[in-house]
N, C-alpha and C. Protein backbone atom coordinates (compact mmCIF):
# COMPACT_ATOMS: atom_id res chain seq x y z
N MET A 1 7.79 2.34 -0.80
CA MET A 1 8.08 0.94 -0.66
C MET A 1 6.79 0.12 -0.59
N THR A 2 5.83 0.65 0.14
CA THR A 2 4.54 -0.05 0.24
C THR A 2 3.95 -0.23 -1.13
N LEU A 3 3.98 0.82 -1.90
CA LEU A 3 3.40 0.74 -3.22
C LEU A 3 4.19 -0.21 -4.11
N LEU A 4 5.50 -0.21 -3.95
CA LEU A 4 6.32 -1.13 -4.74
C LEU A 4 5.94 -2.57 -4.43
N ALA A 5 5.80 -2.88 -3.15
CA ALA A 5 5.38 -4.23 -2.77
C ALA A 5 4.00 -4.54 -3.33
N LEU A 6 3.12 -3.55 -3.29
CA LEU A 6 1.77 -3.73 -3.82
C LEU A 6 1.80 -3.97 -5.32
N VAL A 7 2.64 -3.22 -6.03
CA VAL A 7 2.76 -3.40 -7.49
C VAL A 7 3.27 -4.80 -7.80
N LEU A 8 4.30 -5.23 -7.07
CA LEU A 8 4.85 -6.56 -7.33
C LEU A 8 3.82 -7.64 -7.03
N THR A 9 3.10 -7.49 -5.94
CA THR A 9 2.05 -8.45 -5.59
C THR A 9 0.94 -8.43 -6.63
N THR A 10 0.52 -7.25 -7.02
CA THR A 10 -0.54 -7.10 -8.02
C THR A 10 -0.13 -7.78 -9.32
N GLY A 11 1.11 -7.57 -9.73
CA GLY A 11 1.58 -8.18 -10.96
C GLY A 11 1.55 -9.69 -10.90
N ALA A 12 1.94 -10.24 -9.78
CA ALA A 12 1.94 -11.70 -9.64
C ALA A 12 0.52 -12.24 -9.73
N PHE A 13 -0.41 -11.61 -9.03
CA PHE A 13 -1.79 -12.08 -9.08
C PHE A 13 -2.37 -11.89 -10.48
N ALA A 14 -2.06 -10.77 -11.10
CA ALA A 14 -2.61 -10.50 -12.42
C ALA A 14 -2.11 -11.51 -13.45
N GLN A 15 -0.96 -12.11 -13.20
CA GLN A 15 -0.42 -13.08 -14.13
C GLN A 15 -0.92 -14.49 -13.84
N GLY A 16 -1.89 -14.60 -12.95
CA GLY A 16 -2.52 -15.89 -12.77
C GLY A 16 -2.07 -16.69 -11.56
N PHE A 17 -1.45 -16.06 -10.60
CA PHE A 17 -1.01 -16.78 -9.42
C PHE A 17 -2.10 -16.86 -8.36
N GLY A 18 -3.29 -16.45 -8.69
CA GLY A 18 -4.37 -16.52 -7.73
C GLY A 18 -5.46 -15.55 -8.11
N ASP A 19 -6.52 -15.58 -7.36
CA ASP A 19 -7.61 -14.65 -7.60
C ASP A 19 -7.30 -13.35 -6.86
N PHE A 20 -6.98 -12.34 -7.61
CA PHE A 20 -6.65 -11.05 -7.01
C PHE A 20 -7.93 -10.38 -6.55
N ASN A 21 -7.97 -10.00 -5.30
CA ASN A 21 -9.14 -9.37 -4.72
C ASN A 21 -8.70 -8.08 -4.03
N PRO A 22 -8.92 -6.93 -4.69
CA PRO A 22 -8.48 -5.65 -4.10
C PRO A 22 -9.08 -5.39 -2.73
N GLU A 23 -10.32 -5.77 -2.54
CA GLU A 23 -10.97 -5.53 -1.24
C GLU A 23 -10.29 -6.33 -0.14
N GLU A 24 -9.98 -7.59 -0.43
CA GLU A 24 -9.34 -8.44 0.58
C GLU A 24 -7.93 -7.95 0.87
N MET A 25 -7.22 -7.55 -0.16
CA MET A 25 -5.87 -7.05 0.03
C MET A 25 -5.89 -5.79 0.90
N ALA A 26 -6.83 -4.88 0.62
CA ALA A 26 -6.96 -3.65 1.41
C ALA A 26 -7.32 -3.97 2.86
N LYS A 27 -8.24 -4.92 3.05
CA LYS A 27 -8.65 -5.30 4.41
C LYS A 27 -7.46 -5.81 5.20
N GLN A 28 -6.64 -6.65 4.58
CA GLN A 28 -5.48 -7.19 5.28
C GLN A 28 -4.49 -6.09 5.65
N GLN A 29 -4.25 -5.20 4.71
CA GLN A 29 -3.30 -4.12 4.95
C GLN A 29 -3.78 -3.20 6.07
N VAL A 30 -5.04 -2.81 6.02
CA VAL A 30 -5.58 -1.89 7.02
C VAL A 30 -5.75 -2.59 8.37
N ALA A 31 -6.03 -3.88 8.35
CA ALA A 31 -6.11 -4.63 9.61
C ALA A 31 -4.76 -4.62 10.33
N ARG A 32 -3.67 -4.78 9.56
CA ARG A 32 -2.34 -4.70 10.17
C ARG A 32 -2.10 -3.31 10.74
N MET A 33 -2.52 -2.30 10.01
CA MET A 33 -2.36 -0.92 10.50
C MET A 33 -3.21 -0.68 11.74
N LYS A 34 -4.42 -1.24 11.76
CA LYS A 34 -5.30 -1.06 12.91
C LYS A 34 -4.65 -1.62 14.17
N GLU A 35 -4.07 -2.79 14.04
CA GLU A 35 -3.42 -3.42 15.18
C GLU A 35 -2.16 -2.66 15.59
N THR A 36 -1.33 -2.32 14.62
CA THR A 36 -0.05 -1.68 14.89
C THR A 36 -0.22 -0.27 15.46
N TYR A 37 -1.12 0.51 14.87
CA TYR A 37 -1.25 1.93 15.24
C TYR A 37 -2.49 2.22 16.07
N LYS A 38 -3.20 1.17 16.47
CA LYS A 38 -4.40 1.31 17.32
C LYS A 38 -5.41 2.27 16.70
N LEU A 39 -5.78 2.00 15.43
CA LEU A 39 -6.75 2.83 14.74
C LEU A 39 -8.12 2.69 15.37
N ASN A 40 -8.88 3.79 15.37
CA ASN A 40 -10.28 3.69 15.79
C ASN A 40 -11.10 3.31 14.55
N ASP A 41 -12.38 3.09 14.73
CA ASP A 41 -13.23 2.62 13.63
C ASP A 41 -13.29 3.64 12.49
N THR A 42 -13.35 4.92 12.82
CA THR A 42 -13.41 5.95 11.78
C THR A 42 -12.13 5.94 10.94
N GLN A 43 -10.99 5.87 11.60
CA GLN A 43 -9.71 5.82 10.88
C GLN A 43 -9.64 4.56 10.02
N TYR A 44 -10.03 3.44 10.60
CA TYR A 44 -10.00 2.18 9.88
C TYR A 44 -10.84 2.28 8.60
N ASN A 45 -12.06 2.77 8.73
CA ASN A 45 -12.97 2.85 7.58
C ASN A 45 -12.45 3.80 6.50
N LYS A 46 -11.87 4.93 6.90
CA LYS A 46 -11.32 5.87 5.91
C LYS A 46 -10.15 5.25 5.15
N LEU A 47 -9.26 4.59 5.89
CA LEU A 47 -8.11 3.97 5.24
C LEU A 47 -8.53 2.77 4.40
N LEU A 48 -9.50 2.02 4.88
CA LEU A 48 -9.99 0.88 4.10
C LEU A 48 -10.55 1.35 2.76
N LYS A 49 -11.35 2.40 2.77
CA LYS A 49 -11.90 2.93 1.52
C LYS A 49 -10.78 3.41 0.60
N PHE A 50 -9.83 4.16 1.16
CA PHE A 50 -8.73 4.66 0.33
C PHE A 50 -7.94 3.51 -0.29
N PHE A 51 -7.52 2.54 0.52
CA PHE A 51 -6.70 1.45 -0.01
C PHE A 51 -7.48 0.57 -0.98
N THR A 52 -8.76 0.37 -0.73
CA THR A 52 -9.58 -0.41 -1.67
C THR A 52 -9.66 0.30 -3.01
N ASP A 53 -9.99 1.58 -2.98
CA ASP A 53 -10.10 2.36 -4.22
C ASP A 53 -8.76 2.43 -4.95
N SER A 54 -7.70 2.66 -4.19
CA SER A 54 -6.37 2.78 -4.77
C SER A 54 -5.92 1.47 -5.42
N THR A 55 -6.17 0.37 -4.75
CA THR A 55 -5.78 -0.94 -5.28
C THR A 55 -6.58 -1.27 -6.53
N LYS A 56 -7.88 -0.97 -6.51
CA LYS A 56 -8.71 -1.20 -7.71
C LYS A 56 -8.19 -0.37 -8.88
N LYS A 57 -7.86 0.89 -8.63
CA LYS A 57 -7.37 1.77 -9.70
C LYS A 57 -6.03 1.26 -10.24
N MET A 58 -5.17 0.83 -9.35
CA MET A 58 -3.88 0.31 -9.79
C MET A 58 -4.08 -0.94 -10.66
N MET A 59 -4.99 -1.79 -10.25
CA MET A 59 -5.25 -3.01 -11.01
C MET A 59 -5.83 -2.66 -12.39
N GLU A 60 -6.73 -1.69 -12.44
CA GLU A 60 -7.29 -1.25 -13.73
C GLU A 60 -6.18 -0.73 -14.63
N ASP A 61 -5.30 0.09 -14.07
CA ASP A 61 -4.19 0.63 -14.85
C ASP A 61 -3.29 -0.49 -15.36
N PHE A 62 -3.05 -1.45 -14.51
CA PHE A 62 -2.20 -2.59 -14.88
C PHE A 62 -2.83 -3.36 -16.03
N GLN A 63 -4.13 -3.62 -15.92
CA GLN A 63 -4.83 -4.38 -16.95
C GLN A 63 -4.98 -3.60 -18.25
N ASN A 64 -4.92 -2.27 -18.16
CA ASN A 64 -5.07 -1.44 -19.36
C ASN A 64 -3.74 -1.04 -19.97
N GLY A 65 -2.71 -1.82 -19.72
CA GLY A 65 -1.46 -1.57 -20.42
C GLY A 65 -0.27 -1.30 -19.55
N GLY A 66 -0.48 -0.88 -18.32
CA GLY A 66 0.65 -0.59 -17.45
C GLY A 66 1.45 -1.82 -17.09
N GLY A 67 0.82 -2.98 -17.19
CA GLY A 67 1.50 -4.21 -16.84
C GLY A 67 2.13 -4.92 -18.01
N GLN A 68 2.12 -4.31 -19.15
CA GLN A 68 2.66 -4.94 -20.36
C GLN A 68 4.13 -4.61 -20.56
N GLY A 69 4.89 -4.68 -19.48
CA GLY A 69 6.32 -4.42 -19.59
C GLY A 69 6.68 -2.98 -19.30
N GLY A 70 5.70 -2.09 -19.25
CA GLY A 70 5.98 -0.70 -18.95
C GLY A 70 5.84 -0.44 -17.47
N PHE A 71 6.66 0.45 -16.97
CA PHE A 71 6.58 0.82 -15.56
C PHE A 71 6.55 2.34 -15.50
N ASP A 72 5.46 2.87 -15.05
CA ASP A 72 5.27 4.32 -15.01
C ASP A 72 5.68 4.86 -13.65
N MET A 73 6.94 5.26 -13.55
CA MET A 73 7.48 5.75 -12.28
C MET A 73 6.74 6.99 -11.81
N GLU A 74 6.37 7.86 -12.73
CA GLU A 74 5.66 9.08 -12.35
C GLU A 74 4.30 8.75 -11.72
N ALA A 75 3.58 7.82 -12.31
CA ALA A 75 2.28 7.42 -11.75
C ALA A 75 2.46 6.78 -10.38
N MET A 76 3.52 5.97 -10.23
CA MET A 76 3.78 5.35 -8.94
C MET A 76 4.10 6.40 -7.89
N GLN A 77 4.88 7.39 -8.24
CA GLN A 77 5.23 8.45 -7.29
C GLN A 77 3.98 9.24 -6.88
N LYS A 78 3.09 9.48 -7.82
CA LYS A 78 1.85 10.17 -7.49
C LYS A 78 1.00 9.34 -6.54
N ARG A 79 0.94 8.04 -6.79
CA ARG A 79 0.18 7.15 -5.89
C ARG A 79 0.79 7.14 -4.50
N MET A 80 2.10 7.09 -4.43
CA MET A 80 2.77 7.08 -3.15
C MET A 80 2.51 8.37 -2.38
N LYS A 81 2.53 9.50 -3.08
CA LYS A 81 2.25 10.78 -2.43
C LYS A 81 0.81 10.82 -1.94
N ALA A 82 -0.13 10.38 -2.77
CA ALA A 82 -1.54 10.35 -2.37
C ALA A 82 -1.73 9.44 -1.16
N GLN A 83 -1.04 8.30 -1.17
CA GLN A 83 -1.14 7.38 -0.04
C GLN A 83 -0.62 8.04 1.23
N ASN A 84 0.56 8.63 1.13
CA ASN A 84 1.16 9.26 2.29
C ASN A 84 0.30 10.42 2.81
N ASP A 85 -0.21 11.23 1.89
CA ASP A 85 -1.07 12.36 2.28
C ASP A 85 -2.34 11.87 2.98
N THR A 86 -2.92 10.80 2.46
CA THR A 86 -4.14 10.25 3.06
C THR A 86 -3.85 9.70 4.45
N ILE A 87 -2.80 8.91 4.56
CA ILE A 87 -2.46 8.34 5.85
C ILE A 87 -2.19 9.44 6.86
N LYS A 88 -1.44 10.46 6.45
CA LYS A 88 -1.13 11.57 7.35
C LYS A 88 -2.38 12.30 7.80
N SER A 89 -3.35 12.43 6.90
CA SER A 89 -4.58 13.15 7.25
C SER A 89 -5.50 12.35 8.16
N VAL A 90 -5.35 11.02 8.17
CA VAL A 90 -6.23 10.16 8.95
C VAL A 90 -5.64 9.84 10.33
N LEU A 91 -4.35 9.62 10.39
CA LEU A 91 -3.72 9.25 11.65
C LEU A 91 -3.51 10.47 12.54
N THR A 92 -3.42 10.22 13.83
CA THR A 92 -3.04 11.28 14.76
C THR A 92 -1.55 11.55 14.56
N GLU A 93 -1.07 12.63 15.12
CA GLU A 93 0.34 12.96 15.00
C GLU A 93 1.22 11.85 15.57
N GLU A 94 0.83 11.31 16.70
CA GLU A 94 1.59 10.23 17.33
C GLU A 94 1.58 8.96 16.47
N GLN A 95 0.42 8.61 15.94
CA GLN A 95 0.31 7.42 15.08
C GLN A 95 1.15 7.61 13.82
N TYR A 96 1.10 8.82 13.25
CA TYR A 96 1.83 9.07 12.01
C TYR A 96 3.34 9.01 12.24
N LYS A 97 3.80 9.49 13.38
CA LYS A 97 5.23 9.40 13.70
C LYS A 97 5.66 7.94 13.76
N ALA A 98 4.85 7.10 14.38
CA ALA A 98 5.16 5.67 14.45
C ALA A 98 5.14 5.06 13.06
N TYR A 99 4.18 5.46 12.24
CA TYR A 99 4.09 4.96 10.86
C TYR A 99 5.35 5.36 10.08
N GLU A 100 5.76 6.63 10.19
CA GLU A 100 6.95 7.10 9.48
C GLU A 100 8.19 6.32 9.92
N GLU A 101 8.30 6.06 11.22
CA GLU A 101 9.44 5.31 11.72
C GLU A 101 9.45 3.89 11.14
N ASP A 102 8.28 3.27 11.09
CA ASP A 102 8.18 1.92 10.50
C ASP A 102 8.55 1.94 9.02
N GLN A 103 8.12 2.97 8.31
CA GLN A 103 8.45 3.08 6.89
C GLN A 103 9.95 3.27 6.70
N LYS A 104 10.56 4.06 7.58
CA LYS A 104 12.01 4.28 7.51
C LYS A 104 12.75 2.95 7.71
N LYS A 105 12.34 2.18 8.70
CA LYS A 105 12.96 0.88 8.96
C LYS A 105 12.79 -0.05 7.77
N MET A 106 11.60 -0.03 7.17
CA MET A 106 11.35 -0.90 6.03
C MET A 106 12.24 -0.50 4.85
N ARG A 107 12.39 0.80 4.61
CA ARG A 107 13.27 1.27 3.52
C ARG A 107 14.71 0.82 3.77
N GLU A 108 15.15 0.90 5.03
CA GLU A 108 16.51 0.48 5.37
C GLU A 108 16.69 -1.02 5.11
N ARG A 109 15.70 -1.83 5.51
CA ARG A 109 15.79 -3.27 5.25
C ARG A 109 15.81 -3.55 3.76
N PHE A 110 14.99 -2.83 3.01
CA PHE A 110 14.93 -3.01 1.57
C PHE A 110 16.28 -2.68 0.93
N GLN A 111 16.89 -1.60 1.38
CA GLN A 111 18.19 -1.19 0.83
C GLN A 111 19.29 -2.18 1.17
N GLN A 112 19.08 -2.96 2.24
CA GLN A 112 20.06 -3.95 2.63
C GLN A 112 19.85 -5.29 1.92
N GLY A 113 18.86 -5.33 1.02
CA GLY A 113 18.72 -6.51 0.20
C GLY A 113 17.49 -7.35 0.42
N GLY A 114 16.45 -6.78 0.97
CA GLY A 114 15.24 -7.55 1.12
C GLY A 114 14.10 -6.71 1.68
N PHE A 115 12.90 -7.22 1.48
CA PHE A 115 11.73 -6.51 1.98
C PHE A 115 11.65 -6.58 3.49
N GLY A 116 12.09 -7.65 4.10
CA GLY A 116 12.07 -7.75 5.54
C GLY A 116 10.72 -8.07 6.14
N GLY A 117 9.70 -8.10 5.31
CA GLY A 117 8.36 -8.49 5.77
C GLY A 117 7.71 -7.47 6.67
N GLY A 118 6.40 -7.58 6.79
CA GLY A 118 5.65 -6.80 7.74
C GLY A 118 5.42 -5.35 7.40
N GLY A 119 5.73 -4.93 6.20
CA GLY A 119 5.56 -3.53 5.85
C GLY A 119 4.14 -3.17 5.50
N PHE A 120 3.86 -1.89 5.45
CA PHE A 120 2.52 -1.41 5.09
C PHE A 120 2.64 -0.77 3.75
């Protein structure tokens, strides 16, 4: 779901709705995670690097044809798995359980007809 929201946001910015800045987007996302899950500086920096790199790569893929009406579900699933694996490797067990619970709630809200805001 996080990646889906990111793809939709990326598409809107790429179509001229603003200056898309992968670094700023990653900072905002990881800042929310830092506050919610009480990340330490090491965790914050690892996730910031991952999300910055991931967002840049997604934007490159979008600009190189992925955004021309095609939607590569397989690539999205790979990104989601990489994201989940990275988050799991960085967070403590307790933090990751809280993260999983938040993701579950977000999926439930999405299935009920909306993003519900505040997701990671």
